[in-house]
Amino acid sequence: MRADEEEAYVEYVRGRTVALRRTAFQLCGDWHEAHDLVQAALLKLYRYWSQASTAESPDAYVRRMLVNTFLDQRQSWWARRVRTFAESADRPAPDPGTESRLDLMAALARISPGQRAVLVLRFWDGLDVAETARTLGCSSGTVKSQTSLAIAALRRLMPDYVRES
């Protein structure tokens, strides 16, 4: 990589790391794993920086790398056999008003990784159906059906959840 390309890469990474970690956390539900996901995606990005930097939307390119990294890790034998968890000392005490958010995060952890990815991209990252489909490499119809199935699964997992106004 040329020096000017490497400088552009470093500048991009510095500017987007916080947003990427937030998206990674929403995908996996654990800050340590989110950090690992972002690092893995940024390593891939370094290899393909010339393609990503000339893409129509570098953010969309990197978001797709992050989601694919998440989905690939969920399909590995290690992820199927071992469930990691953070030590209680690593977690700050929750605020009194965050119980429903914790319930939602626990419910999200129980749905399939693909459905979770659709919900994170659509509702946390604010992507429309077409952008989500491009990010996941699927059709708009698949995004719509997976969104519907994911919401139905969340309703089954959280029957008493009432959205606050």
C-alpha atoms as a PDB file:
ATOM      1  CA  MET A   1       0.000   0.000   0.000  1.00  0.00           C
ATOM      2  CA  ARG A   2       1.303   3.440  -0.901  1.00  0.00           C
ATOM      3  CA  ALA A   3       1.920   5.984   1.861  1.00  0.00           C
ATOM      4  CA  ASP A   4      -0.968   8.230   0.777  1.00  0.00           C
ATOM      5  CA  GLU A   5      -3.367   5.256   0.677  1.00  0.00           C
ATOM      6  CA  GLU A   6      -2.233   4.140   4.117  1.00  0.00           C
ATOM      7  CA  GLU A   7      -2.748   7.653   5.473  1.00  0.00           C
ATOM      8  CA  ALA A   8      -6.282   7.706   4.028  1.00  0.00           C
ATOM      9  CA  TYR A   9      -6.952   4.281   5.576  1.00  0.00           C
ATOM     10  CA  VAL A  10      -5.749   5.408   9.017  1.00  0.00           C
ATOM     11  CA  GLU A  11      -7.845   8.580   8.800  1.00  0.00           C
ATOM     12  CA  TYR A  12     -10.941   6.589   7.830  1.00  0.00           C
ATOM     13  CA  VAL A  13     -10.426   4.095  10.654  1.00  0.00           C
ATOM     14  CA  ARG A  14      -9.951   6.868  13.234  1.00  0.00           C
ATOM     15  CA  GLY A  15     -13.159   8.534  12.125  1.00  0.00           C
ATOM     16  CA  ARG A  16     -15.351   5.427  11.936  1.00  0.00           C
ATOM     17  CA  THR A  17     -14.154   3.098  14.713  1.00  0.00           C
ATOM     18  CA  VAL A  18     -16.674   4.284  17.317  1.00  0.00           C
ATOM     19  CA  ALA A  19     -19.633   3.838  14.942  1.00  0.00           C
ATOM     20  CA  LEU A  20     -18.345   0.428  13.844  1.00  0.00           C
ATOM     21  CA  ARG A  21     -17.982  -0.715  17.460  1.00  0.00           C
ATOM     22  CA  ARG A  22     -21.526   0.417  18.201  1.00  0.00           C
ATOM     23  CA  THR A  23     -22.880  -1.545  15.248  1.00  0.00           C
ATOM     24  CA  ALA A  24     -20.765  -4.576  16.195  1.00  0.00           C
ATOM     25  CA  PHE A  25     -22.086  -4.442  19.767  1.00  0.00           C
ATOM     26  CA  GLN A  26     -25.651  -4.329  18.513  1.00  0.00           C
ATOM     27  CA  LEU A  27     -24.909  -7.362  16.371  1.00  0.00           C
ATOM     28  CA  CYS A  28     -23.260  -9.507  19.043  1.00  0.00           C
ATOM     29  CA  GLY A  29     -24.342  -8.003  22.389  1.00  0.00           C
ATOM     30  CA  ASP A  30     -20.891  -8.078  24.004  1.00  0.00           C
ATOM     31  CA  TRP A  31     -18.336  -5.240  23.996  1.00  0.00           C
ATOM     32  CA  HIS A  32     -15.332  -7.570  23.996  1.00  0.00           C
ATOM     33  CA  GLU A  33     -16.654  -9.550  21.060  1.00  0.00           C
ATOM     34  CA  ALA A  34     -17.625  -6.293  19.325  1.00  0.00           C
ATOM     35  CA  HIS A  35     -14.035  -5.103  19.627  1.00  0.00           C
ATOM     36  CA  ASP A  36     -12.821  -8.369  18.083  1.00  0.00           C
ATOM     37  CA  LEU A  37     -15.359  -8.108  15.252  1.00  0.00           C
ATOM     38  CA  VAL A  38     -14.256  -4.571  14.424  1.00  0.00           C
ATOM     39  CA  GLN A  39     -10.585  -5.565  14.491  1.00  0.00           C
ATOM     40  CA  ALA A  40     -11.236  -8.501  12.143  1.00  0.00           C
ATOM     41  CA  ALA A  41     -13.227  -6.285   9.775  1.00  0.00           C
ATOM     42  CA  LEU A  42     -10.531  -3.574   9.807  1.00  0.00           C
ATOM     43  CA  LEU A  43      -7.870  -6.160   8.979  1.00  0.00           C
ATOM     44  CA  LYS A  44      -9.922  -7.216   5.967  1.00  0.00           C
ATOM     45  CA  LEU A  45     -10.458  -3.560   5.087  1.00  0.00           C
ATOM     46  CA  TYR A  46      -6.704  -2.962   5.051  1.00  0.00           C
ATOM     47  CA  ARG A  47      -6.305  -5.719   2.463  1.00  0.00           C
ATOM     48  CA  TYR A  48      -9.067  -4.280   0.282  1.00  0.00           C
ATOM     49  CA  TRP A  49      -8.659  -0.569   1.011  1.00  0.00           C
ATOM     50  CA  SER A  50      -8.075   0.352  -2.652  1.00  0.00           C
ATOM     51  CA  GLN A  51     -11.462  -1.176  -3.547  1.00  0.00           C
ATOM     52  CA  ALA A  52     -13.269   0.204  -0.489  1.00  0.00           C
ATOM     53  CA  SER A  53     -11.922   3.726  -0.876  1.00  0.00           C
ATOM     54  CA  THR A  54     -13.100   3.908  -4.481  1.00  0.00           C
ATOM     55  CA  ALA A  55     -16.507   2.346  -3.770  1.00  0.00           C
ATOM     56  CA  GLU A  56     -19.637   4.444  -4.123  1.00  0.00           C
ATOM     57  CA  SER A  57     -20.047   4.331  -0.338  1.00  0.00           C
ATOM     58  CA  PRO A  58     -17.012   3.225   1.680  1.00  0.00           C
ATOM     59  CA  ASP A  59     -19.207   3.112   4.814  1.00  0.00           C
ATOM     60  CA  ALA A  60     -21.574   0.631   3.169  1.00  0.00           C
ATOM     61  CA  TYR A  61     -18.591  -1.450   1.996  1.00  0.00           C
ATOM     62  CA  VAL A  62     -17.146  -1.594   5.523  1.00  0.00           C
ATOM     63  CA  ARG A  63     -20.564  -2.237   7.104  1.00  0.00           C
ATOM     64  CA  ARG A  64     -20.976  -5.233   4.830  1.00  0.00           C
ATOM     65  CA  MET A  65     -17.526  -6.492   5.837  1.00  0.00           C
ATOM     66  CA  LEU A  66     -18.503  -6.140   9.507  1.00  0.00           C
ATOM     67  CA  VAL A  67     -21.833  -7.948   9.114  1.00  0.00           C
ATOM     68  CA  ASN A  68     -20.224 -10.730   7.046  1.00  0.00           C
ATOM     69  CA  THR A  69     -17.526 -11.143   9.692  1.00  0.00           C
ATOM     70  CA  PHE A  70     -20.239 -11.417  12.362  1.00  0.00           C
ATOM     71  CA  LEU A  71     -22.239 -13.969  10.364  1.00  0.00           C
ATOM     72  CA  ASP A  72     -19.109 -15.991   9.487  1.00  0.00           C
ATOM     73  CA  GLN A  73     -18.099 -16.171  13.136  1.00  0.00           C
ATOM     74  CA  ARG A  74     -21.590 -17.319  14.133  1.00  0.00           C
ATOM     75  CA  GLN A  75     -21.352 -20.205  11.681  1.00  0.00           C
ATOM     76  CA  SER A  76     -17.998 -21.465  12.960  1.00  0.00           C
ATOM     77  CA  TRP A  77     -17.863 -24.611  15.051  1.00  0.00           C
ATOM     78  CA  TRP A  78     -16.488 -22.615  17.991  1.00  0.00           C
ATOM     79  CA  ALA A  79     -19.491 -20.276  18.119  1.00  0.00           C
ATOM     80  CA  ARG A  80     -21.895 -23.208  17.969  1.00  0.00           C
ATOM     81  CA  ARG A  81     -20.195 -25.046  20.846  1.00  0.00           C
ATOM     82  CA  VAL A  82     -18.938 -22.267  23.124  1.00  0.00           C
ATOM     83  CA  ARG A  83     -20.964 -19.325  24.406  1.00  0.00           C
ATOM     84  CA  THR A  84     -18.721 -16.589  25.695  1.00  0.00           C
ATOM     85  CA  PHE A  85     -19.827 -14.296  28.461  1.00  0.00           C
ATOM     86  CA  ALA A  86     -18.350 -11.232  30.110  1.00  0.00           C
ATOM     87  CA  GLU A  87     -17.408 -11.426  33.766  1.00  0.00           C
ATOM     88  CA  SER A  88     -19.759  -9.500  36.038  1.00  0.00           C
ATOM     89  CA  ALA A  89     -16.841  -7.281  37.129  1.00  0.00           C
ATOM     90  CA  ASP A  90     -16.472  -6.135  33.509  1.00  0.00           C
ATOM     91  CA  ARG A  91     -20.034  -4.880  33.378  1.00  0.00           C
ATOM     92  CA  PRO A  92     -21.091  -1.596  34.914  1.00  0.00           C
ATOM     93  CA  ALA A  93     -24.176  -1.651  37.103  1.00  0.00           C
ATOM     94  CA  PRO A  94     -27.263  -0.958  34.966  1.00  0.00           C
ATOM     95  CA  ASP A  95     -29.232   2.237  35.424  1.00  0.00           C
ATOM     96  CA  PRO A  96     -32.644   1.694  37.033  1.00  0.00           C
ATOM     97  CA  GLY A  97     -34.487   2.612  33.806  1.00  0.00           C
ATOM     98  CA  THR A  98     -32.640   0.193  31.546  1.00  0.00           C
ATOM     99  CA  GLU A  99     -34.406  -3.050  32.417  1.00  0.00           C
ATOM    100  CA  SER A 100     -36.458  -3.078  29.218  1.00  0.00           C
ATOM    101  CA  ARG A 101     -33.324  -2.416  27.141  1.00  0.00           C
ATOM    102  CA  LEU A 102     -31.557  -5.310  28.854  1.00  0.00           C
ATOM    103  CA  ASP A 103     -34.575  -7.525  28.176  1.00  0.00           C
ATOM    104  CA  LEU A 104     -34.498  -6.481  24.524  1.00  0.00           C
ATOM    105  CA  MET A 105     -30.757  -7.207  24.232  1.00  0.00           C
ATOM    106  CA  ALA A 106     -31.294 -10.643  25.822  1.00  0.00           C
ATOM    107  CA  ALA A 107     -34.137 -11.382  23.388  1.00  0.00           C
ATOM    108  CA  LEU A 108     -32.011 -10.254  20.439  1.00  0.00           C
ATOM    109  CA  ALA A 109     -29.293 -12.669  21.542  1.00  0.00           C
ATOM    110  CA  ARG A 110     -31.790 -15.531  21.231  1.00  0.00           C
ATOM    111  CA  ILE A 111     -32.862 -14.923  17.614  1.00  0.00           C
ATOM    112  CA  SER A 112     -30.838 -16.110  14.631  1.00  0.00           C
ATOM    113  CA  PRO A 113     -27.739 -14.088  13.661  1.00  0.00           C
ATOM    114  CA  GLY A 114     -29.222 -13.261  10.257  1.00  0.00           C
ATOM    115  CA  GLN A 115     -32.445 -11.930  11.742  1.00  0.00           C
ATOM    116  CA  ARG A 116     -30.486  -9.976  14.324  1.00  0.00           C
ATOM    117  CA  ALA A 117     -28.348  -8.460  11.553  1.00  0.00           C
ATOM    118  CA  VAL A 118     -31.476  -7.375   9.671  1.00  0.00           C
ATOM    119  CA  LEU A 119     -32.942  -5.696  12.776  1.00  0.00           C
ATOM    120  CA  VAL A 120     -29.680  -3.946  13.654  1.00  0.00           C
ATOM    121  CA  LEU A 121     -29.201  -2.610  10.139  1.00  0.00           C
ATOM    122  CA  ARG A 122     -32.831  -1.564   9.696  1.00  0.00           C
ATOM    123  CA  PHE A 123     -33.672  -0.103  13.091  1.00  0.00           C
ATOM    124  CA  TRP A 124     -30.402   0.861  14.787  1.00  0.00           C
ATOM    125  CA  ASP A 125     -28.353   1.887  11.764  1.00  0.00           C
ATOM    126  CA  GLY A 126     -31.431   3.331  10.029  1.00  0.00           C
ATOM    127  CA  LEU A 127     -30.882   1.678   6.652  1.00  0.00           C
ATOM    128  CA  ASP A 128     -33.811   1.270   4.319  1.00  0.00           C
ATOM    129  CA  VAL A 129     -34.792  -2.097   2.857  1.00  0.00           C
ATOM    130  CA  ALA A 130     -32.696  -1.677  -0.301  1.00  0.00           C
ATOM    131  CA  GLU A 131     -29.549  -0.636   1.611  1.00  0.00           C
ATOM    132  CA  THR A 132     -29.983  -3.519   4.038  1.00  0.00           C
ATOM    133  CA  ALA A 133     -30.379  -5.945   1.132  1.00  0.00           C
ATOM    134  CA  ARG A 134     -27.188  -4.625  -0.491  1.00  0.00           C
ATOM    135  CA  THR A 135     -25.304  -4.900   2.804  1.00  0.00           C
ATOM    136  CA  LEU A 136     -26.433  -8.480   3.384  1.00  0.00           C
ATOM    137  CA  GLY A 137     -26.172  -9.512  -0.265  1.00  0.00           C
ATOM    138  CA  CYS A 138     -29.774 -10.646  -0.516  1.00  0.00           C
ATOM    139  CA  SER A 139     -33.040  -9.481  -2.073  1.00  0.00           C
ATOM    140  CA  SER A 140     -35.361  -6.826  -0.663  1.00  0.00           C
ATOM    141  CA  GLY A 141     -38.005  -9.510  -0.217  1.00  0.00           C
ATOM    142  CA  THR A 142     -35.646 -11.509   1.973  1.00  0.00           C
ATOM    143  CA  VAL A 143     -35.000  -8.439   4.126  1.00  0.00           C
ATOM    144  CA  LYS A 144     -38.734  -7.850   4.506  1.00  0.00           C
ATOM    145  CA  SER A 145     -39.505 -11.461   5.391  1.00  0.00           C
ATOM    146  CA  GLN A 146     -36.565 -11.728   7.811  1.00  0.00           C
ATOM    147  CA  THR A 147     -37.630  -8.466   9.473  1.00  0.00           C
ATOM    148  CA  SER A 148     -41.147  -9.794   9.890  1.00  0.00           C
ATOM    149  CA  LEU A 149     -39.927 -13.125  11.272  1.00  0.00           C
ATOM    150  CA  ALA A 150     -37.482 -11.405  13.635  1.00  0.00           C
ATOM    151  CA  ILE A 151     -40.133  -9.068  15.009  1.00  0.00           C
ATOM    152  CA  ALA A 152     -42.497 -12.007  15.497  1.00  0.00           C
ATOM    153  CA  ALA A 153     -39.747 -13.886  17.353  1.00  0.00           C
ATOM    154  CA  LEU A 154     -39.114 -10.873  19.591  1.00  0.00           C
ATOM    155  CA  ARG A 155     -42.834 -10.637  20.340  1.00  0.00           C
ATOM    156  CA  ARG A 156     -42.838 -14.307  21.368  1.00  0.00           C
ATOM    157  CA  LEU A 157     -39.759 -13.815  23.543  1.00  0.00           C
ATOM    158  CA  MET A 158     -41.061 -10.608  25.122  1.00  0.00           C
ATOM    159  CA  PRO A 159     -44.857 -10.971  25.360  1.00  0.00           C
ATOM    160  CA  ASP A 160     -45.201  -8.357  28.135  1.00  0.00           C
ATOM    161  CA  TYR A 161     -43.019  -5.742  26.470  1.00  0.00           C
ATOM    162  CA  VAL A 162     -44.822  -2.434  26.065  1.00  0.00           C
ATOM    163  CA  ARG A 163     -43.216   0.291  24.015  1.00  0.00           C
ATOM    164  CA  GLU A 164     -42.824   3.501  25.980  1.00  0.00           C
ATOM    165  CA  SER A 165     -44.257   6.597  24.324  1.00  0.00           C
END
